[in-house]
Amino acid sequence: MVIDSDIKDVQVFEAGAIIEALHKIAATPDVILLDIHMPGLNGVESIKLLKRKWPLVHVLMLSSQDDPETVRLAHERGAADFVSKSNTAKTIVDAVNVALSRQTPAMLEYTSNGYPAQPRLLQHLTPRQLEVLDMLGRGLSNKIIARQLDLSENTIRVHVQAIFESMRVSSRSEAVFAARRLGLIS
């Protein structure tokens, strides 16, 4: 497999169906490379199930069915990226490497014909910022987040501001909406 040979320090698990993957993989995966055509639930419909078990996993859709509607639907369901099987092996490996580097996926906007517009790439969010973002999604105030994380309220404000800058948003509600759209939080 190309992934095994071209990416260092990777452990690959293969599963023929989503339910099998959920039972077979004990540790939290960093990346899930998912085809649309799978037995049982199709790949697009199973993204939410995978994200429920592993909220921070990057799901990359890999399919020959790369029409604009399918790509849009995959992103809406929480896929970090969509890679066509018609791409070169290098392109597919590059997409996996981007996900492994924990760069946050592109926030996509769609043109009138359904194709993704120019993506606005998000900068890297730290694990602590993702934790704060999750707490923002639960509607917690900076004060409560600070108490729960045993940090100062000022530190939480700094994290929130960094999240805003990274996600290119200007409010908590915009950050939460974008994070949910990207599948970063539920």
N, C-alpha and C. Protein backbone atom coordinates (compact mmCIF):
# COMPACT_ATOMS: atom_id res chain seq x y z
N MET A 1 0.84 -1.18 0.00
CA MET A 1 0.00 0.00 0.00
C MET A 1 0.89 1.24 0.00
N VAL A 2 0.52 2.23 -0.77
CA VAL A 2 1.30 3.47 -0.90
C VAL A 2 1.45 4.18 0.43
N ILE A 3 0.39 4.21 1.23
CA ILE A 3 0.42 4.91 2.51
C ILE A 3 1.52 4.33 3.40
N ASP A 4 1.59 3.01 3.50
CA ASP A 4 2.60 2.35 4.32
C ASP A 4 4.01 2.72 3.89
N SER A 5 4.24 2.77 2.59
CA SER A 5 5.60 2.97 2.10
C SER A 5 6.02 4.43 2.04
N ASP A 6 5.08 5.36 1.90
CA ASP A 6 5.43 6.76 1.71
C ASP A 6 5.28 7.64 2.95
N ILE A 7 4.71 7.12 4.02
CA ILE A 7 4.54 7.91 5.23
C ILE A 7 5.23 7.17 6.37
N LYS A 8 6.11 7.89 7.07
CA LYS A 8 6.87 7.29 8.16
C LYS A 8 6.02 7.18 9.41
N ASP A 9 6.33 6.18 10.22
CA ASP A 9 5.70 5.99 11.53
C ASP A 9 4.18 5.97 11.44
N VAL A 10 3.67 5.19 10.51
CA VAL A 10 2.22 5.09 10.36
C VAL A 10 1.81 3.64 10.59
N GLN A 11 0.72 3.46 11.27
CA GLN A 11 0.14 2.14 11.46
C GLN A 11 -1.20 2.15 10.74
N VAL A 12 -1.37 1.24 9.80
CA VAL A 12 -2.57 1.22 8.98
C VAL A 12 -3.46 0.07 9.41
N PHE A 13 -4.73 0.39 9.64
CA PHE A 13 -5.74 -0.63 9.91
C PHE A 13 -6.70 -0.60 8.73
N GLU A 14 -7.04 -1.75 8.23
CA GLU A 14 -8.01 -1.81 7.14
C GLU A 14 -9.27 -2.47 7.64
N ALA A 15 -10.40 -1.93 7.24
CA ALA A 15 -11.68 -2.50 7.61
C ALA A 15 -12.59 -2.45 6.40
N GLY A 16 -13.36 -3.50 6.22
CA GLY A 16 -14.25 -3.57 5.07
C GLY A 16 -15.56 -2.84 5.28
N ALA A 17 -15.88 -2.53 6.54
CA ALA A 17 -17.14 -1.84 6.85
C ALA A 17 -16.92 -0.95 8.07
N ILE A 18 -17.76 0.05 8.20
CA ILE A 18 -17.63 1.02 9.29
C ILE A 18 -17.76 0.34 10.65
N ILE A 19 -18.74 -0.51 10.82
CA ILE A 19 -18.95 -1.17 12.11
C ILE A 19 -17.72 -1.99 12.47
N GLU A 20 -17.13 -2.66 11.50
CA GLU A 20 -15.90 -3.42 11.73
C GLU A 20 -14.78 -2.49 12.21
N ALA A 21 -14.65 -1.32 11.59
CA ALA A 21 -13.62 -0.36 11.98
C ALA A 21 -13.84 0.12 13.41
N LEU A 22 -15.09 0.39 13.77
CA LEU A 22 -15.39 0.88 15.11
C LEU A 22 -15.00 -0.14 16.17
N HIS A 23 -15.11 -1.42 15.85
CA HIS A 23 -14.77 -2.47 16.81
C HIS A 23 -13.30 -2.87 16.73
N LYS A 24 -12.70 -2.76 15.56
CA LYS A 24 -11.34 -3.23 15.33
C LYS A 24 -10.28 -2.26 15.86
N ILE A 25 -10.55 -0.97 15.80
CA ILE A 25 -9.55 0.03 16.15
C ILE A 25 -9.80 0.49 17.58
N ALA A 26 -8.87 0.14 18.48
CA ALA A 26 -9.03 0.49 19.89
C ALA A 26 -8.53 1.91 20.17
N ALA A 27 -7.36 2.24 19.66
CA ALA A 27 -6.78 3.57 19.91
C ALA A 27 -7.43 4.60 19.01
N THR A 28 -7.34 5.86 19.41
CA THR A 28 -7.89 6.94 18.59
C THR A 28 -7.00 7.15 17.37
N PRO A 29 -7.54 6.99 16.18
CA PRO A 29 -6.72 7.21 14.98
C PRO A 29 -6.49 8.70 14.74
N ASP A 30 -5.40 9.02 14.07
CA ASP A 30 -5.13 10.41 13.71
C ASP A 30 -5.89 10.78 12.45
N VAL A 31 -5.97 9.82 11.51
CA VAL A 31 -6.61 10.07 10.22
C VAL A 31 -7.38 8.82 9.83
N ILE A 32 -8.56 9.02 9.26
CA ILE A 32 -9.31 7.92 8.67
C ILE A 32 -9.48 8.23 7.19
N LEU A 33 -8.99 7.34 6.35
CA LEU A 33 -9.14 7.44 4.91
C LEU A 33 -10.35 6.58 4.56
N LEU A 34 -11.41 7.22 4.08
CA LEU A 34 -12.70 6.57 3.97
C LEU A 34 -13.23 6.63 2.55
N ASP A 35 -13.62 5.48 2.04
CA ASP A 35 -14.24 5.44 0.72
C ASP A 35 -15.74 5.66 0.87
N ILE A 36 -16.38 6.12 -0.16
CA ILE A 36 -17.83 6.31 -0.12
C ILE A 36 -18.55 4.98 -0.20
N HIS A 37 -18.06 4.10 -1.07
CA HIS A 37 -18.73 2.83 -1.29
C HIS A 37 -18.19 1.77 -0.33
N MET A 38 -18.97 1.51 0.71
CA MET A 38 -18.61 0.51 1.71
C MET A 38 -19.84 -0.33 2.01
N PRO A 39 -19.64 -1.55 2.45
CA PRO A 39 -20.80 -2.36 2.85
C PRO A 39 -21.53 -1.72 4.03
N GLY A 40 -22.83 -1.85 4.08
CA GLY A 40 -23.59 -1.24 5.17
C GLY A 40 -23.74 0.24 4.94
N LEU A 41 -23.37 1.04 5.93
CA LEU A 41 -23.42 2.50 5.78
C LEU A 41 -22.42 2.95 4.74
N ASN A 42 -22.81 3.88 3.89
CA ASN A 42 -21.82 4.41 2.95
C ASN A 42 -20.90 5.37 3.69
N GLY A 43 -19.78 5.70 3.08
CA GLY A 43 -18.77 6.53 3.72
C GLY A 43 -19.27 7.88 4.17
N VAL A 44 -20.04 8.57 3.33
CA VAL A 44 -20.53 9.91 3.68
C VAL A 44 -21.45 9.84 4.90
N GLU A 45 -22.34 8.86 4.92
CA GLU A 45 -23.27 8.75 6.04
C GLU A 45 -22.59 8.30 7.32
N SER A 46 -21.44 7.67 7.23
CA SER A 46 -20.77 7.16 8.43
C SER A 46 -19.82 8.16 9.08
N ILE A 47 -19.58 9.30 8.44
CA ILE A 47 -18.65 10.28 9.01
C ILE A 47 -19.09 10.70 10.40
N LYS A 48 -20.37 11.01 10.57
CA LYS A 48 -20.85 11.45 11.89
C LYS A 48 -20.65 10.36 12.95
N LEU A 49 -20.85 9.12 12.57
CA LEU A 49 -20.65 8.01 13.50
C LEU A 49 -19.18 7.92 13.93
N LEU A 50 -18.29 8.07 12.97
CA LEU A 50 -16.85 8.04 13.28
C LEU A 50 -16.45 9.23 14.14
N LYS A 51 -16.99 10.41 13.82
CA LYS A 51 -16.67 11.62 14.58
C LYS A 51 -17.25 11.56 15.99
N ARG A 52 -18.34 10.83 16.17
CA ARG A 52 -18.90 10.68 17.50
C ARG A 52 -17.95 9.86 18.38
N LYS A 53 -17.35 8.82 17.80
CA LYS A 53 -16.43 7.98 18.57
C LYS A 53 -15.08 8.68 18.73
N TRP A 54 -14.59 9.34 17.67
CA TRP A 54 -13.28 9.99 17.70
C TRP A 54 -13.46 11.44 17.23
N PRO A 55 -13.85 12.36 18.10
CA PRO A 55 -14.21 13.73 17.69
C PRO A 55 -13.10 14.51 16.98
N LEU A 56 -11.85 14.25 17.30
CA LEU A 56 -10.77 15.05 16.72
C LEU A 56 -10.10 14.39 15.51
N VAL A 57 -10.61 13.24 15.10
CA VAL A 57 -9.99 12.56 13.97
C VAL A 57 -10.27 13.33 12.68
N HIS A 58 -9.29 13.33 11.80
CA HIS A 58 -9.46 13.93 10.48
C HIS A 58 -9.93 12.83 9.53
N VAL A 59 -11.10 13.00 8.95
CA VAL A 59 -11.65 12.03 8.01
C VAL A 59 -11.39 12.55 6.60
N LEU A 60 -10.67 11.77 5.81
CA LEU A 60 -10.42 12.09 4.41
C LEU A 60 -11.26 11.16 3.56
N MET A 61 -12.12 11.73 2.74
CA MET A 61 -12.90 10.91 1.81
C MET A 61 -12.04 10.62 0.59
N LEU A 62 -12.04 9.39 0.17
CA LEU A 62 -11.30 8.96 -1.01
C LEU A 62 -12.27 8.20 -1.88
N SER A 63 -12.57 8.74 -3.05
CA SER A 63 -13.57 8.10 -3.88
C SER A 63 -13.41 8.49 -5.34
N SER A 64 -13.89 7.61 -6.20
CA SER A 64 -13.94 7.94 -7.62
C SER A 64 -15.22 8.73 -7.91
N GLN A 65 -16.16 8.70 -6.99
CA GLN A 65 -17.41 9.46 -7.12
C GLN A 65 -17.14 10.86 -6.58
N ASP A 66 -16.58 11.74 -7.44
CA ASP A 66 -16.14 13.05 -6.99
C ASP A 66 -16.94 14.20 -7.60
N ASP A 67 -18.24 13.96 -7.82
CA ASP A 67 -19.08 15.03 -8.35
C ASP A 67 -19.25 16.11 -7.27
N PRO A 68 -19.55 17.34 -7.68
CA PRO A 68 -19.63 18.46 -6.73
C PRO A 68 -20.60 18.22 -5.56
N GLU A 69 -21.73 17.60 -5.83
CA GLU A 69 -22.72 17.36 -4.76
C GLU A 69 -22.17 16.39 -3.71
N THR A 70 -21.48 15.35 -4.13
CA THR A 70 -20.90 14.39 -3.20
C THR A 70 -19.80 15.03 -2.36
N VAL A 71 -18.96 15.83 -3.00
CA VAL A 71 -17.88 16.54 -2.29
C VAL A 71 -18.49 17.49 -1.25
N ARG A 72 -19.50 18.25 -1.65
CA ARG A 72 -20.16 19.18 -0.74
C ARG A 72 -20.78 18.44 0.44
N LEU A 73 -21.45 17.35 0.17
CA LEU A 73 -22.10 16.56 1.21
C LEU A 73 -21.07 15.99 2.19
N ALA A 74 -19.95 15.50 1.67
CA ALA A 74 -18.90 14.96 2.54
C ALA A 74 -18.37 16.05 3.48
N HIS A 75 -18.14 17.25 2.95
CA HIS A 75 -17.67 18.34 3.80
C HIS A 75 -18.72 18.75 4.83
N GLU A 76 -19.98 18.78 4.42
CA GLU A 76 -21.05 19.13 5.36
C GLU A 76 -21.12 18.12 6.50
N ARG A 77 -20.87 16.86 6.21
CA ARG A 77 -20.94 15.81 7.23
C ARG A 77 -19.71 15.80 8.14
N GLY A 78 -18.65 16.55 7.75
CA GLY A 78 -17.48 16.64 8.63
C GLY A 78 -16.18 16.13 8.07
N ALA A 79 -16.15 15.78 6.78
CA ALA A 79 -14.89 15.34 6.19
C ALA A 79 -13.90 16.50 6.16
N ALA A 80 -12.66 16.23 6.51
CA ALA A 80 -11.63 17.26 6.50
C ALA A 80 -11.22 17.60 5.07
N ASP A 81 -11.25 16.60 4.21
CA ASP A 81 -10.85 16.81 2.83
C ASP A 81 -11.48 15.72 1.97
N PHE A 82 -11.49 15.95 0.68
CA PHE A 82 -12.02 14.98 -0.28
C PHE A 82 -10.96 14.79 -1.35
N VAL A 83 -10.55 13.55 -1.55
CA VAL A 83 -9.50 13.25 -2.51
C VAL A 83 -10.06 12.26 -3.53
N SER A 84 -9.96 12.62 -4.79
CA SER A 84 -10.44 11.74 -5.85
C SER A 84 -9.45 10.61 -6.09
N LYS A 85 -9.98 9.43 -6.34
CA LYS A 85 -9.12 8.29 -6.66
C LYS A 85 -8.38 8.49 -7.98
N SER A 86 -8.86 9.43 -8.77
CA SER A 86 -8.19 9.69 -10.04
C SER A 86 -6.91 10.52 -9.84
N ASN A 87 -6.70 11.05 -8.63
CA ASN A 87 -5.47 11.79 -8.34
C ASN A 87 -4.28 10.84 -8.30
N THR A 88 -3.11 11.41 -8.39
CA THR A 88 -1.89 10.61 -8.29
C THR A 88 -1.71 10.11 -6.86
N ALA A 89 -0.91 9.07 -6.71
CA ALA A 89 -0.60 8.55 -5.37
C ALA A 89 0.03 9.64 -4.52
N LYS A 90 0.87 10.47 -5.14
CA LYS A 90 1.53 11.55 -4.39
C LYS A 90 0.51 12.53 -3.83
N THR A 91 -0.51 12.88 -4.59
CA THR A 91 -1.55 13.80 -4.12
C THR A 91 -2.29 13.20 -2.94
N ILE A 92 -2.59 11.92 -3.02
CA ILE A 92 -3.30 11.25 -1.93
C ILE A 92 -2.42 11.22 -0.68
N VAL A 93 -1.15 10.87 -0.85
CA VAL A 93 -0.22 10.85 0.28
C VAL A 93 -0.05 12.25 0.88
N ASP A 94 0.01 13.26 0.01
CA ASP A 94 0.12 14.65 0.50
C ASP A 94 -1.08 15.02 1.36
N ALA A 95 -2.28 14.62 0.94
CA ALA A 95 -3.49 14.92 1.71
C ALA A 95 -3.45 14.24 3.08
N VAL A 96 -2.96 13.00 3.11
CA VAL A 96 -2.82 12.29 4.39
C VAL A 96 -1.78 12.98 5.26
N ASN A 97 -0.67 13.41 4.66
CA ASN A 97 0.37 14.11 5.44
C ASN A 97 -0.14 15.42 6.03
N VAL A 98 -0.95 16.15 5.29
CA VAL A 98 -1.52 17.39 5.81
C VAL A 98 -2.38 17.07 7.03
N ALA A 99 -3.20 16.04 6.91
CA ALA A 99 -4.06 15.65 8.04
C ALA A 99 -3.22 15.17 9.22
N LEU A 100 -2.17 14.41 8.96
CA LEU A 100 -1.30 13.92 10.04
C LEU A 100 -0.56 15.05 10.74
N SER A 101 -0.28 16.11 10.02
CA SER A 101 0.44 17.24 10.63
C SER A 101 -0.49 18.04 11.55
N ARG A 102 -1.77 17.61 11.60
CA ARG A 102 -2.80 18.21 12.45
C ARG A 102 -3.15 19.62 12.02
N GLN A 103 -2.84 19.95 10.77
CA GLN A 103 -3.33 21.22 10.27
C GLN A 103 -4.84 21.10 10.17
N THR A 104 -5.52 22.15 10.55
CA THR A 104 -6.96 22.12 10.50
C THR A 104 -7.39 22.21 9.04
N PRO A 105 -8.41 21.44 8.65
CA PRO A 105 -8.81 21.42 7.25
C PRO A 105 -9.34 22.77 6.77
N ALA A 106 -9.45 22.88 5.48
CA ALA A 106 -9.94 24.13 4.88
C ALA A 106 -11.41 24.33 5.23
N MET A 107 -11.75 25.57 5.48
CA MET A 107 -13.16 25.93 5.60
C MET A 107 -13.62 26.23 4.18
N LEU A 108 -14.56 25.45 3.71
CA LEU A 108 -14.94 25.59 2.31
C LEU A 108 -16.21 26.40 2.14
N GLU A 109 -16.19 27.20 1.14
CA GLU A 109 -17.39 27.88 0.67
C GLU A 109 -17.62 27.37 -0.74
N TYR A 110 -18.86 27.32 -1.16
CA TYR A 110 -19.16 26.72 -2.45
C TYR A 110 -19.64 27.77 -3.44
N THR A 111 -19.24 27.56 -4.68
CA THR A 111 -19.68 28.45 -5.74
C THR A 111 -21.09 28.04 -6.15
N SER A 112 -21.72 28.81 -7.01
CA SER A 112 -23.10 28.53 -7.42
C SER A 112 -23.24 27.20 -8.15
N ASN A 113 -22.15 26.70 -8.75
CA ASN A 113 -22.26 25.41 -9.46
C ASN A 113 -21.93 24.22 -8.56
N GLY A 114 -21.72 24.47 -7.26
CA GLY A 114 -21.51 23.37 -6.32
C GLY A 114 -20.06 23.00 -6.08
N TYR A 115 -19.12 23.59 -6.82
CA TYR A 115 -17.71 23.29 -6.60
C TYR A 115 -17.18 24.11 -5.44
N PRO A 116 -16.21 23.56 -4.68
CA PRO A 116 -15.64 24.35 -3.60
C PRO A 116 -14.97 25.61 -4.16
N ALA A 117 -15.23 26.73 -3.50
CA ALA A 117 -14.54 27.98 -3.85
C ALA A 117 -13.13 27.89 -3.29
N GLN A 118 -12.35 28.93 -3.48
CA GLN A 118 -10.99 28.95 -2.95
C GLN A 118 -11.04 28.74 -1.44
N PRO A 119 -10.38 27.70 -0.89
CA PRO A 119 -10.46 27.45 0.54
C PRO A 119 -9.69 28.49 1.34
N ARG A 120 -10.22 28.78 2.55
CA ARG A 120 -9.50 29.61 3.50
C ARG A 120 -8.89 28.65 4.51
N LEU A 121 -7.60 28.44 4.42
CA LEU A 121 -6.98 27.47 5.30
C LEU A 121 -6.91 28.02 6.72
N LEU A 122 -7.23 27.14 7.66
CA LEU A 122 -7.11 27.50 9.05
C LEU A 122 -5.70 27.19 9.52
N GLN A 123 -5.20 28.01 10.40
CA GLN A 123 -3.89 27.71 10.97
C GLN A 123 -4.07 26.60 11.98
N HIS A 124 -2.99 26.06 12.40
CA HIS A 124 -2.99 24.96 13.36
C HIS A 124 -3.59 25.38 14.69
N LEU A 125 -4.49 24.58 15.22
CA LEU A 125 -5.02 24.78 16.57
C LEU A 125 -4.32 23.79 17.50
N THR A 126 -3.88 24.25 18.65
CA THR A 126 -3.22 23.37 19.61
C THR A 126 -4.26 22.47 20.28
N PRO A 127 -3.83 21.39 20.90
CA PRO A 127 -4.79 20.54 21.63
C PRO A 127 -5.55 21.33 22.70
N ARG A 128 -4.88 22.25 23.39
CA ARG A 128 -5.56 23.06 24.41
C ARG A 128 -6.61 23.96 23.75
N GLN A 129 -6.29 24.55 22.59
CA GLN A 129 -7.26 25.39 21.90
C GLN A 129 -8.46 24.57 21.43
N LEU A 130 -8.22 23.34 21.00
CA LEU A 130 -9.34 22.47 20.61
C LEU A 130 -10.21 22.15 21.83
N GLU A 131 -9.58 21.97 22.98
CA GLU A 131 -10.31 21.71 24.21
C GLU A 131 -11.18 22.94 24.58
N VAL A 132 -10.59 24.12 24.50
CA VAL A 132 -11.33 25.36 24.77
C VAL A 132 -12.46 25.52 23.76
N LEU A 133 -12.19 25.24 22.49
CA LEU A 133 -13.21 25.33 21.45
C LEU A 133 -14.39 24.40 21.74
N ASP A 134 -14.09 23.19 22.20
CA ASP A 134 -15.14 22.25 22.56
C ASP A 134 -15.99 22.82 23.69
N MET A 135 -15.35 23.44 24.67
CA MET A 135 -16.08 24.02 25.80
C MET A 135 -16.90 25.24 25.36
N LEU A 136 -16.37 26.00 24.40
CA LEU A 136 -17.16 27.09 23.82
C LEU A 136 -18.42 26.53 23.17
N GLY A 137 -18.26 25.40 22.49
CA GLY A 137 -19.39 24.75 21.84
C GLY A 137 -20.46 24.29 22.82
N ARG A 138 -20.05 24.06 24.06
CA ARG A 138 -21.02 23.67 25.10
C ARG A 138 -21.60 24.89 25.81
N GLY A 139 -21.22 26.10 25.32
CA GLY A 139 -21.80 27.32 25.86
C GLY A 139 -21.19 27.80 27.17
N LEU A 140 -20.02 27.30 27.52
CA LEU A 140 -19.40 27.69 28.78
C LEU A 140 -18.73 29.06 28.67
N SER A 141 -18.77 29.80 29.74
CA SER A 141 -18.12 31.11 29.79
C SER A 141 -16.62 30.94 30.02
N ASN A 142 -15.86 32.01 29.77
CA ASN A 142 -14.41 31.97 30.01
C ASN A 142 -14.11 31.61 31.45
N LYS A 143 -14.89 32.16 32.36
CA LYS A 143 -14.68 31.92 33.79
C LYS A 143 -14.84 30.44 34.13
N ILE A 144 -15.88 29.82 33.63
CA ILE A 144 -16.12 28.40 33.90
C ILE A 144 -15.07 27.52 33.22
N ILE A 145 -14.71 27.87 31.98
CA ILE A 145 -13.66 27.12 31.27
C ILE A 145 -12.37 27.20 32.07
N ALA A 146 -12.03 28.39 32.56
CA ALA A 146 -10.81 28.57 33.35
C ALA A 146 -10.83 27.69 34.59
N ARG A 147 -11.95 27.66 35.28
CA ARG A 147 -12.06 26.80 36.48
C ARG A 147 -11.88 25.34 36.13
N GLN A 148 -12.56 24.89 35.07
CA GLN A 148 -12.50 23.47 34.71
C GLN A 148 -11.11 23.04 34.25
N LEU A 149 -10.38 23.95 33.61
CA LEU A 149 -9.04 23.62 33.12
C LEU A 149 -7.94 24.03 34.09
N ASP A 150 -8.34 24.61 35.21
CA ASP A 150 -7.40 25.09 36.21
C ASP A 150 -6.40 26.08 35.61
N LEU A 151 -6.94 27.03 34.86
CA LEU A 151 -6.14 28.09 34.23
C LEU A 151 -6.74 29.43 34.63
N SER A 152 -6.01 30.50 34.36
CA SER A 152 -6.55 31.83 34.65
C SER A 152 -7.55 32.22 33.56
N GLU A 153 -8.46 33.08 33.91
CA GLU A 153 -9.43 33.57 32.94
C GLU A 153 -8.73 34.31 31.80
N ASN A 154 -7.65 35.01 32.13
CA ASN A 154 -6.87 35.71 31.11
C ASN A 154 -6.27 34.73 30.10
N THR A 155 -5.78 33.59 30.58
CA THR A 155 -5.22 32.57 29.68
C THR A 155 -6.30 32.06 28.73
N ILE A 156 -7.51 31.88 29.25
CA ILE A 156 -8.61 31.42 28.40
C ILE A 156 -8.93 32.47 27.35
N ARG A 157 -8.93 33.76 27.74
CA ARG A 157 -9.17 34.83 26.76
C ARG A 157 -8.13 34.79 25.64
N VAL A 158 -6.87 34.52 26.01
CA VAL A 158 -5.80 34.44 25.01
C VAL A 158 -6.08 33.26 24.07
N HIS A 159 -6.49 32.12 24.61
CA HIS A 159 -6.82 30.95 23.78
C HIS A 159 -7.99 31.26 22.85
N VAL A 160 -9.02 31.90 23.40
CA VAL A 160 -10.20 32.22 22.59
C VAL A 160 -9.82 33.16 21.45
N GLN A 161 -9.00 34.15 21.74
CA GLN A 161 -8.55 35.09 20.70
C GLN A 161 -7.74 34.36 19.63
N ALA A 162 -6.87 33.44 20.06
CA ALA A 162 -6.07 32.66 19.10
C ALA A 162 -6.98 31.79 18.22
N ILE A 163 -8.03 31.23 18.80
CA ILE A 163 -9.00 30.44 18.04
C ILE A 163 -9.66 31.32 16.99
N PHE A 164 -10.10 32.52 17.40
CA PHE A 164 -10.74 33.45 16.46
C PHE A 164 -9.81 33.77 15.29
N GLU A 165 -8.56 34.08 15.61
CA GLU A 165 -7.59 34.43 14.56
C GLU A 165 -7.33 33.25 13.64
N SER A 166 -7.16 32.08 14.22
CA SER A 166 -6.88 30.90 13.43
C SER A 166 -8.04 30.53 12.52
N MET A 167 -9.25 30.66 13.03
CA MET A 167 -10.44 30.30 12.26
C MET A 167 -10.97 31.46 11.42
N ARG A 168 -10.36 32.63 11.58
CA ARG A 168 -10.78 33.83 10.85
C ARG A 168 -12.24 34.16 11.10
N VAL A 169 -12.60 34.17 12.40
CA VAL A 169 -13.94 34.54 12.81
C VAL A 169 -13.83 35.65 13.84
N SER A 170 -14.96 36.26 14.18
CA SER A 170 -14.91 37.38 15.12
C SER A 170 -15.80 37.20 16.34
N SER A 171 -16.43 36.04 16.47
CA SER A 171 -17.27 35.82 17.64
C SER A 171 -17.27 34.35 18.03
N ARG A 172 -17.69 34.11 19.27
CA ARG A 172 -17.78 32.74 19.77
C ARG A 172 -18.76 31.92 18.92
N SER A 173 -19.89 32.52 18.58
CA SER A 173 -20.89 31.78 17.82
C SER A 173 -20.37 31.42 16.42
N GLU A 174 -19.63 32.32 15.79
CA GLU A 174 -19.04 32.01 14.48
C GLU A 174 -18.03 30.87 14.61
N ALA A 175 -17.21 30.91 15.66
CA ALA A 175 -16.21 29.86 15.88
C ALA A 175 -16.87 28.51 16.09
N VAL A 176 -17.91 28.50 16.90
CA VAL A 176 -18.63 27.25 17.18
C VAL A 176 -19.30 26.73 15.91
N PHE A 177 -19.94 27.62 15.16
CA PHE A 177 -20.60 27.21 13.91
C PHE A 177 -19.58 26.60 12.94
N ALA A 178 -18.45 27.28 12.76
CA ALA A 178 -17.42 26.78 11.84
C ALA A 178 -16.84 25.46 12.34
N ALA A 179 -16.62 25.35 13.63
CA ALA A 179 -16.07 24.11 14.20
C ALA A 179 -17.02 22.94 14.02
N ARG A 180 -18.30 23.19 14.20
CA ARG A 180 -19.28 22.13 13.99
C ARG A 180 -19.35 21.74 12.52
N ARG A 181 -19.30 22.72 11.66
CA ARG A 181 -19.33 22.46 10.21
C ARG A 181 -18.14 21.60 9.79
N LEU A 182 -16.99 21.83 10.43
CA LEU A 182 -15.79 21.08 10.10
C LEU A 182 -15.70 19.76 10.85
N GLY A 183 -16.61 19.53 11.77
CA GLY A 183 -16.57 18.29 12.54
C GLY A 183 -15.53 18.31 13.65
N LEU A 184 -15.06 19.50 14.02
CA LEU A 184 -14.07 19.60 15.11
C LEU A 184 -14.74 19.40 16.46
N ILE A 185 -16.00 19.79 16.57
CA ILE A 185 -16.78 19.59 17.79
C ILE A 185 -18.15 19.09 17.39
N SER A 186 -18.86 18.51 18.36
CA SER A 186 -20.20 18.00 18.04
C SER A 186 -21.26 18.89 18.61
